[in-house]
Amino acid sequence: MSLISVKDFFTRHAPDIDVIELQQSTATVALAAEGHGVEPAQIAKTLALRVGDDVILIVTRGDARLDNKKYKARFGTKARFGTKARMLGFDEVEAETGHPVGGVCPFGLAKPHSIYCDLSLKAYDIVVPAAGATNAAVHISPARIAELTGAEWIDVSET
């Protein structure tokens, strides 16, 4: 279902973009980089996080890590959730996004969520986010990700 929702998203919003399905898994940054012939930093990983009662998605480059100080400055914290970014649990990811872990992307979501693109993505003209399956992806510019998803640009990573 997830791959279908992503393909439907691109058919409706960006028919010029093809979903690429590989025979091997691309569920990790390293596997995706190898499969698509790009460096790991060029993989656009989508992080699903809980902020209070909301779920947000942050798309960042493959070699980036969240900087907790920047994250806290941007999103604040609530005492019951602590001061660090909290990733969704494995079982929550698919329920919230409609995509399996390893295939999470900001396209064709099961539920509407706020989407953010980290400035780290702008280091590349083309990045490779997953496309709703552990062997599917698209090649797309960071600006186009933000345009198609209504994402806000933020700076929350350390590279």
N, C-alpha and C. Protein backbone atom coordinates (compact mmCIF):
# COMPACT_ATOMS: atom_id res chain seq x y z
N MET A 1 0.82 -1.20 0.00
CA MET A 1 0.00 0.00 0.00
C MET A 1 0.86 1.26 0.00
N SER A 2 1.92 1.27 0.78
CA SER A 2 2.76 2.45 0.91
C SER A 2 3.40 2.88 -0.41
N LEU A 3 3.99 1.92 -1.10
CA LEU A 3 4.59 2.21 -2.40
C LEU A 3 3.54 2.74 -3.37
N ILE A 4 2.36 2.19 -3.30
CA ILE A 4 1.27 2.64 -4.18
C ILE A 4 0.89 4.08 -3.85
N SER A 5 0.82 4.42 -2.57
CA SER A 5 0.44 5.79 -2.20
C SER A 5 1.50 6.79 -2.67
N VAL A 6 2.77 6.39 -2.64
CA VAL A 6 3.84 7.28 -3.11
C VAL A 6 3.76 7.43 -4.63
N LYS A 7 3.55 6.34 -5.34
CA LYS A 7 3.40 6.43 -6.80
C LYS A 7 2.20 7.29 -7.17
N ASP A 8 1.11 7.13 -6.45
CA ASP A 8 -0.08 7.97 -6.70
C ASP A 8 0.24 9.44 -6.44
N PHE A 9 0.99 9.72 -5.38
CA PHE A 9 1.38 11.09 -5.06
C PHE A 9 2.12 11.71 -6.24
N PHE A 10 3.11 10.99 -6.77
CA PHE A 10 3.88 11.53 -7.89
C PHE A 10 3.07 11.60 -9.18
N THR A 11 2.18 10.68 -9.40
CA THR A 11 1.31 10.75 -10.58
C THR A 11 0.48 12.03 -10.54
N ARG A 12 -0.03 12.38 -9.37
CA ARG A 12 -0.87 13.56 -9.22
C ARG A 12 -0.08 14.87 -9.18
N HIS A 13 1.05 14.87 -8.48
CA HIS A 13 1.75 16.13 -8.20
C HIS A 13 3.03 16.37 -8.99
N ALA A 14 3.65 15.30 -9.48
CA ALA A 14 4.93 15.45 -10.18
C ALA A 14 5.13 14.26 -11.14
N PRO A 15 4.33 14.20 -12.19
CA PRO A 15 4.42 13.05 -13.10
C PRO A 15 5.77 12.90 -13.79
N ASP A 16 6.61 13.91 -13.72
CA ASP A 16 7.94 13.84 -14.31
C ASP A 16 8.94 13.05 -13.44
N ILE A 17 8.55 12.72 -12.23
CA ILE A 17 9.44 12.00 -11.31
C ILE A 17 9.05 10.52 -11.29
N ASP A 18 10.02 9.67 -11.54
CA ASP A 18 9.80 8.23 -11.53
C ASP A 18 10.25 7.62 -10.22
N VAL A 19 9.44 6.71 -9.70
CA VAL A 19 9.85 5.93 -8.54
C VAL A 19 10.72 4.79 -9.05
N ILE A 20 11.90 4.67 -8.47
CA ILE A 20 12.87 3.66 -8.87
C ILE A 20 12.80 2.51 -7.87
N GLU A 21 12.52 1.32 -8.38
CA GLU A 21 12.48 0.12 -7.53
C GLU A 21 13.68 -0.75 -7.86
N LEU A 22 14.47 -1.07 -6.85
CA LEU A 22 15.63 -1.92 -7.02
C LEU A 22 15.32 -3.33 -6.54
N GLN A 23 16.10 -4.28 -6.97
CA GLN A 23 15.92 -5.67 -6.54
C GLN A 23 16.40 -5.88 -5.10
N GLN A 24 17.38 -5.10 -4.67
CA GLN A 24 17.93 -5.26 -3.33
C GLN A 24 17.35 -4.21 -2.38
N SER A 25 17.50 -4.48 -1.09
CA SER A 25 17.04 -3.55 -0.07
C SER A 25 17.86 -2.27 -0.09
N THR A 26 17.19 -1.17 0.14
CA THR A 26 17.84 0.12 0.32
C THR A 26 17.36 0.74 1.65
N ALA A 27 17.10 -0.12 2.62
CA ALA A 27 16.49 0.29 3.89
C ALA A 27 17.41 1.08 4.80
N THR A 28 18.71 1.07 4.55
CA THR A 28 19.64 1.87 5.36
C THR A 28 20.32 2.88 4.44
N VAL A 29 20.91 3.88 5.04
CA VAL A 29 21.64 4.88 4.26
C VAL A 29 22.73 4.22 3.42
N ALA A 30 23.51 3.32 4.03
CA ALA A 30 24.60 2.67 3.31
C ALA A 30 24.08 1.84 2.14
N LEU A 31 23.03 1.06 2.36
CA LEU A 31 22.47 0.23 1.28
C LEU A 31 21.88 1.10 0.17
N ALA A 32 21.20 2.18 0.56
CA ALA A 32 20.61 3.08 -0.44
C ALA A 32 21.69 3.75 -1.27
N ALA A 33 22.74 4.21 -0.63
CA ALA A 33 23.84 4.87 -1.35
C ALA A 33 24.48 3.90 -2.34
N GLU A 34 24.72 2.68 -1.89
CA GLU A 34 25.31 1.67 -2.78
C GLU A 34 24.37 1.36 -3.94
N GLY A 35 23.12 1.16 -3.65
CA GLY A 35 22.14 0.79 -4.68
C GLY A 35 21.92 1.87 -5.72
N HIS A 36 22.02 3.13 -5.31
CA HIS A 36 21.76 4.24 -6.23
C HIS A 36 23.03 4.90 -6.75
N GLY A 37 24.19 4.38 -6.33
CA GLY A 37 25.45 4.89 -6.83
C GLY A 37 25.74 6.32 -6.43
N VAL A 38 25.39 6.67 -5.19
CA VAL A 38 25.64 8.02 -4.67
C VAL A 38 26.37 7.90 -3.34
N GLU A 39 26.88 9.00 -2.84
CA GLU A 39 27.52 8.97 -1.53
C GLU A 39 26.45 8.97 -0.44
N PRO A 40 26.75 8.41 0.72
CA PRO A 40 25.75 8.33 1.79
C PRO A 40 25.10 9.68 2.14
N ALA A 41 25.86 10.75 2.09
CA ALA A 41 25.30 12.07 2.44
C ALA A 41 24.18 12.48 1.48
N GLN A 42 24.19 11.93 0.28
CA GLN A 42 23.19 12.30 -0.73
C GLN A 42 21.85 11.59 -0.53
N ILE A 43 21.82 10.61 0.35
CA ILE A 43 20.56 9.96 0.69
C ILE A 43 19.78 10.93 1.59
N ALA A 44 18.52 11.13 1.27
CA ALA A 44 17.67 12.01 2.09
C ALA A 44 16.85 11.14 3.03
N LYS A 45 17.29 11.07 4.29
CA LYS A 45 16.57 10.23 5.24
C LYS A 45 15.47 11.04 5.90
N THR A 46 14.36 10.37 6.15
CA THR A 46 13.21 11.01 6.77
C THR A 46 13.07 10.48 8.19
N LEU A 47 13.16 11.38 9.15
CA LEU A 47 13.04 11.03 10.56
C LEU A 47 11.63 11.35 11.03
N ALA A 48 10.99 10.41 11.70
CA ALA A 48 9.66 10.62 12.27
C ALA A 48 9.82 10.80 13.77
N LEU A 49 9.41 11.98 14.25
CA LEU A 49 9.61 12.33 15.65
C LEU A 49 8.31 12.79 16.29
N ARG A 50 8.26 12.63 17.58
CA ARG A 50 7.12 13.11 18.35
C ARG A 50 7.51 14.41 19.03
N VAL A 51 6.69 15.44 18.84
CA VAL A 51 6.86 16.73 19.51
C VAL A 51 5.56 16.97 20.27
N GLY A 52 5.61 16.77 21.58
CA GLY A 52 4.37 16.86 22.36
C GLY A 52 3.42 15.78 21.89
N ASP A 53 2.22 16.18 21.46
CA ASP A 53 1.24 15.22 20.97
C ASP A 53 1.27 15.08 19.46
N ASP A 54 2.16 15.82 18.80
CA ASP A 54 2.22 15.82 17.34
C ASP A 54 3.36 14.96 16.83
N VAL A 55 3.20 14.50 15.60
CA VAL A 55 4.27 13.80 14.89
C VAL A 55 4.75 14.72 13.78
N ILE A 56 6.06 14.85 13.67
CA ILE A 56 6.65 15.65 12.60
C ILE A 56 7.62 14.78 11.81
N LEU A 57 7.88 15.18 10.58
CA LEU A 57 8.87 14.50 9.75
C LEU A 57 9.96 15.50 9.41
N ILE A 58 11.20 15.09 9.60
CA ILE A 58 12.35 15.92 9.24
C ILE A 58 13.16 15.16 8.21
N VAL A 59 13.35 15.77 7.05
CA VAL A 59 14.15 15.18 5.99
C VAL A 59 15.53 15.82 6.05
N THR A 60 16.54 14.99 6.21
CA THR A 60 17.91 15.47 6.35
C THR A 60 18.84 14.61 5.51
N ARG A 61 20.04 15.06 5.31
CA ARG A 61 20.96 14.25 4.50
C ARG A 61 21.41 13.02 5.27
N GLY A 62 21.83 12.02 4.53
CA GLY A 62 22.08 10.71 5.10
C GLY A 62 23.14 10.62 6.16
N ASP A 63 24.13 11.49 6.13
CA ASP A 63 25.20 11.43 7.12
C ASP A 63 25.00 12.40 8.28
N ALA A 64 23.87 13.08 8.30
CA ALA A 64 23.61 14.08 9.34
C ALA A 64 22.97 13.44 10.57
N ARG A 65 23.24 14.03 11.70
CA ARG A 65 22.61 13.64 12.96
C ARG A 65 21.87 14.87 13.49
N LEU A 66 20.80 14.63 14.22
CA LEU A 66 20.11 15.75 14.84
C LEU A 66 20.99 16.37 15.91
N ASP A 67 21.05 17.68 15.93
CA ASP A 67 21.74 18.43 16.96
C ASP A 67 20.67 18.78 18.00
N ASN A 68 20.76 18.18 19.17
CA ASN A 68 19.70 18.36 20.16
C ASN A 68 19.53 19.80 20.61
N LYS A 69 20.60 20.58 20.65
CA LYS A 69 20.46 22.00 21.02
C LYS A 69 19.67 22.76 19.95
N LYS A 70 19.99 22.52 18.69
CA LYS A 70 19.26 23.18 17.61
C LYS A 70 17.81 22.71 17.58
N TYR A 71 17.61 21.41 17.79
CA TYR A 71 16.25 20.85 17.80
C TYR A 71 15.42 21.48 18.92
N LYS A 72 16.01 21.55 20.11
CA LYS A 72 15.30 22.13 21.25
C LYS A 72 14.99 23.61 21.01
N ALA A 73 15.94 24.34 20.42
CA ALA A 73 15.72 25.76 20.13
C ALA A 73 14.57 25.94 19.13
N ARG A 74 14.46 25.02 18.17
CA ARG A 74 13.43 25.16 17.13
C ARG A 74 12.07 24.67 17.59
N PHE A 75 12.03 23.53 18.28
CA PHE A 75 10.75 22.91 18.62
C PHE A 75 10.37 23.01 20.08
N GLY A 76 11.30 23.45 20.93
CA GLY A 76 11.00 23.52 22.35
C GLY A 76 10.85 22.12 22.91
N THR A 77 10.46 22.04 24.13
CA THR A 77 10.27 20.74 24.76
C THR A 77 9.09 20.83 25.70
N LYS A 78 8.60 19.69 26.06
CA LYS A 78 7.57 19.59 27.08
C LYS A 78 8.12 18.66 28.14
N ALA A 79 7.95 19.03 29.38
CA ALA A 79 8.60 18.31 30.49
C ALA A 79 8.38 16.80 30.42
N ARG A 80 7.19 16.37 30.06
CA ARG A 80 6.94 14.93 30.09
C ARG A 80 7.66 14.18 28.99
N PHE A 81 8.19 14.90 28.00
CA PHE A 81 8.89 14.23 26.91
C PHE A 81 10.40 14.40 26.99
N GLY A 82 10.90 15.13 27.97
CA GLY A 82 12.34 15.33 28.09
C GLY A 82 12.83 16.40 27.15
N THR A 83 14.14 16.54 27.07
CA THR A 83 14.71 17.63 26.29
C THR A 83 15.28 17.18 24.96
N LYS A 84 15.32 15.89 24.69
CA LYS A 84 15.90 15.41 23.45
C LYS A 84 14.82 15.03 22.45
N ALA A 85 15.22 15.02 21.19
CA ALA A 85 14.32 14.58 20.13
C ALA A 85 13.92 13.13 20.41
N ARG A 86 12.65 12.82 20.21
CA ARG A 86 12.16 11.46 20.45
C ARG A 86 11.65 10.86 19.16
N MET A 87 12.38 9.88 18.66
CA MET A 87 11.97 9.18 17.45
C MET A 87 10.74 8.34 17.77
N LEU A 88 9.89 8.16 16.76
CA LEU A 88 8.75 7.27 16.94
C LEU A 88 9.25 5.85 17.12
N GLY A 89 8.50 5.07 17.87
CA GLY A 89 8.82 3.66 18.02
C GLY A 89 8.59 2.93 16.70
N PHE A 90 9.24 1.81 16.55
CA PHE A 90 9.17 1.02 15.32
C PHE A 90 7.72 0.78 14.90
N ASP A 91 6.87 0.41 15.86
CA ASP A 91 5.47 0.10 15.55
C ASP A 91 4.65 1.34 15.25
N GLU A 92 5.08 2.50 15.73
CA GLU A 92 4.35 3.74 15.48
C GLU A 92 4.60 4.31 14.08
N VAL A 93 5.77 4.03 13.53
CA VAL A 93 6.17 4.66 12.27
C VAL A 93 5.17 4.37 11.16
N GLU A 94 4.87 3.10 10.92
CA GLU A 94 3.97 2.76 9.82
C GLU A 94 2.55 3.25 10.10
N ALA A 95 2.11 3.20 11.34
CA ALA A 95 0.77 3.68 11.68
C ALA A 95 0.63 5.18 11.38
N GLU A 96 1.67 5.95 11.65
CA GLU A 96 1.61 7.39 11.45
C GLU A 96 1.89 7.83 10.01
N THR A 97 2.83 7.16 9.35
CA THR A 97 3.23 7.61 8.01
C THR A 97 2.61 6.78 6.89
N GLY A 98 2.27 5.53 7.20
CA GLY A 98 1.82 4.61 6.16
C GLY A 98 2.98 3.91 5.48
N HIS A 99 4.20 4.23 5.88
CA HIS A 99 5.40 3.65 5.27
C HIS A 99 6.15 2.79 6.28
N PRO A 100 6.78 1.71 5.80
CA PRO A 100 7.58 0.88 6.71
C PRO A 100 8.91 1.56 7.05
N VAL A 101 9.47 1.19 8.19
CA VAL A 101 10.81 1.65 8.53
C VAL A 101 11.73 1.21 7.39
N GLY A 102 12.57 2.14 6.93
CA GLY A 102 13.43 1.87 5.79
C GLY A 102 12.84 2.36 4.48
N GLY A 103 11.56 2.74 4.51
CA GLY A 103 10.90 3.27 3.32
C GLY A 103 10.19 4.58 3.59
N VAL A 104 10.41 5.13 4.79
CA VAL A 104 9.72 6.35 5.20
C VAL A 104 10.17 7.53 4.34
N CYS A 105 9.19 8.30 3.90
CA CYS A 105 9.45 9.48 3.08
C CYS A 105 8.33 10.48 3.34
N PRO A 106 8.47 11.70 2.86
CA PRO A 106 7.44 12.72 3.09
C PRO A 106 6.32 12.71 2.05
N PHE A 107 6.30 11.71 1.17
CA PHE A 107 5.33 11.65 0.07
C PHE A 107 4.28 10.57 0.34
N GLY A 108 3.03 10.82 -0.05
CA GLY A 108 1.99 9.80 0.04
C GLY A 108 1.73 9.32 1.45
N LEU A 109 1.69 10.23 2.39
CA LEU A 109 1.52 9.89 3.80
C LEU A 109 0.10 9.43 4.12
N ALA A 110 0.00 8.54 5.10
CA ALA A 110 -1.30 8.05 5.55
C ALA A 110 -2.07 9.12 6.32
N LYS A 111 -1.35 10.00 7.00
CA LYS A 111 -1.95 11.08 7.79
C LYS A 111 -1.18 12.36 7.49
N PRO A 112 -1.82 13.50 7.60
CA PRO A 112 -1.07 14.75 7.41
C PRO A 112 -0.16 15.02 8.60
N HIS A 113 1.07 15.37 8.31
CA HIS A 113 2.05 15.72 9.34
C HIS A 113 2.83 16.93 8.87
N SER A 114 3.34 17.70 9.81
CA SER A 114 4.22 18.81 9.46
C SER A 114 5.53 18.22 8.96
N ILE A 115 6.02 18.79 7.86
CA ILE A 115 7.25 18.29 7.25
C ILE A 115 8.27 19.42 7.23
N TYR A 116 9.50 19.06 7.56
CA TYR A 116 10.60 20.00 7.59
C TYR A 116 11.76 19.43 6.79
N CYS A 117 12.43 20.28 6.04
CA CYS A 117 13.64 19.90 5.33
C CYS A 117 14.82 20.59 5.99
N ASP A 118 15.80 19.81 6.38
CA ASP A 118 16.99 20.37 7.01
C ASP A 118 17.88 21.02 5.96
N LEU A 119 18.48 22.14 6.31
CA LEU A 119 19.36 22.86 5.39
C LEU A 119 20.51 22.01 4.87
N SER A 120 20.86 20.95 5.57
CA SER A 120 21.96 20.08 5.14
C SER A 120 21.71 19.49 3.75
N LEU A 121 20.46 19.35 3.36
CA LEU A 121 20.12 18.80 2.04
C LEU A 121 20.61 19.69 0.90
N LYS A 122 20.72 20.98 1.17
CA LYS A 122 21.08 21.93 0.11
C LYS A 122 22.52 21.79 -0.38
N ALA A 123 23.28 20.89 0.23
CA ALA A 123 24.65 20.64 -0.24
C ALA A 123 24.65 19.91 -1.58
N TYR A 124 23.50 19.37 -1.98
CA TYR A 124 23.40 18.58 -3.21
C TYR A 124 22.31 19.10 -4.12
N ASP A 125 22.55 18.99 -5.41
CA ASP A 125 21.53 19.36 -6.40
C ASP A 125 20.43 18.30 -6.44
N ILE A 126 20.83 17.04 -6.29
CA ILE A 126 19.89 15.92 -6.31
C ILE A 126 20.15 15.07 -5.08
N VAL A 127 19.06 14.68 -4.42
CA VAL A 127 19.15 13.76 -3.28
C VAL A 127 18.23 12.57 -3.56
N VAL A 128 18.37 11.54 -2.73
CA VAL A 128 17.64 10.30 -2.97
C VAL A 128 16.87 9.89 -1.71
N PRO A 129 15.61 10.31 -1.59
CA PRO A 129 14.79 9.84 -0.47
C PRO A 129 14.12 8.51 -0.83
N ALA A 130 13.75 7.76 0.19
CA ALA A 130 12.98 6.54 0.00
C ALA A 130 11.64 6.90 -0.64
N ALA A 131 10.93 5.88 -1.07
CA ALA A 131 9.64 6.10 -1.74
C ALA A 131 8.59 5.10 -1.27
N GLY A 132 8.51 4.91 0.05
CA GLY A 132 7.43 4.11 0.59
C GLY A 132 7.67 2.61 0.65
N ALA A 133 8.84 2.15 0.28
CA ALA A 133 9.19 0.73 0.38
C ALA A 133 10.68 0.63 0.64
N THR A 134 11.12 -0.50 1.14
CA THR A 134 12.52 -0.66 1.51
C THR A 134 13.43 -0.91 0.31
N ASN A 135 12.88 -0.83 -0.89
CA ASN A 135 13.70 -0.96 -2.09
C ASN A 135 13.35 0.10 -3.14
N ALA A 136 12.64 1.15 -2.72
CA ALA A 136 12.17 2.17 -3.67
C ALA A 136 12.66 3.55 -3.25
N ALA A 137 12.94 4.39 -4.26
CA ALA A 137 13.41 5.75 -4.00
C ALA A 137 13.12 6.62 -5.21
N VAL A 138 13.36 7.90 -5.05
CA VAL A 138 13.28 8.85 -6.16
C VAL A 138 14.55 9.69 -6.14
N HIS A 139 14.89 10.23 -7.30
CA HIS A 139 15.99 11.19 -7.42
C HIS A 139 15.31 12.54 -7.63
N ILE A 140 15.60 13.49 -6.74
CA ILE A 140 14.84 14.74 -6.71
C ILE A 140 15.70 15.84 -6.09
N SER A 141 15.45 17.07 -6.46
CA SER A 141 16.18 18.17 -5.85
C SER A 141 15.59 18.46 -4.46
N PRO A 142 16.42 18.92 -3.55
CA PRO A 142 15.90 19.29 -2.24
C PRO A 142 14.80 20.35 -2.32
N ALA A 143 14.96 21.32 -3.21
CA ALA A 143 13.94 22.36 -3.35
C ALA A 143 12.61 21.76 -3.78
N ARG A 144 12.66 20.75 -4.63
CA ARG A 144 11.42 20.12 -5.11
C ARG A 144 10.75 19.33 -4.00
N ILE A 145 11.53 18.69 -3.12
CA ILE A 145 10.92 18.01 -1.97
C ILE A 145 10.10 19.02 -1.16
N ALA A 146 10.73 20.14 -0.84
CA ALA A 146 10.06 21.16 -0.03
C ALA A 146 8.83 21.70 -0.75
N GLU A 147 8.96 21.94 -2.04
CA GLU A 147 7.83 22.47 -2.82
C GLU A 147 6.66 21.48 -2.83
N LEU A 148 6.93 20.22 -3.11
CA LEU A 148 5.86 19.23 -3.24
C LEU A 148 5.19 18.89 -1.91
N THR A 149 5.92 19.00 -0.82
CA THR A 149 5.37 18.60 0.48
C THR A 149 4.96 19.79 1.36
N GLY A 150 5.26 20.99 0.91
CA GLY A 150 4.97 22.17 1.74
C GLY A 150 5.89 22.25 2.94
N ALA A 151 7.07 21.67 2.82
CA ALA A 151 8.01 21.63 3.94
C ALA A 151 8.60 23.00 4.24
N GLU A 152 8.90 23.18 5.50
CA GLU A 152 9.60 24.37 5.96
C GLU A 152 11.09 24.02 6.09
N TRP A 153 11.95 24.94 5.68
CA TRP A 153 13.40 24.75 5.81
C TRP A 153 13.82 25.10 7.23
N ILE A 154 14.60 24.21 7.85
CA ILE A 154 15.09 24.42 9.21
C ILE A 154 16.55 23.98 9.30
N ASP A 155 17.21 24.37 10.38
CA ASP A 155 18.60 23.97 10.63
C ASP A 155 18.63 23.24 11.97
N VAL A 156 18.57 21.91 11.94
CA VAL A 156 18.58 21.14 13.19
C VAL A 156 19.58 19.98 13.15
N SER A 157 20.51 19.99 12.21
CA SER A 157 21.43 18.85 12.15
C SER A 157 22.87 19.29 12.37
N GLU A 158 23.66 18.29 12.71
CA GLU A 158 25.11 18.46 12.75
C GLU A 158 25.63 17.52 11.67
N THR A 159 26.51 18.01 10.84
CA THR A 159 27.02 17.16 9.76
C THR A 159 28.51 16.94 9.90
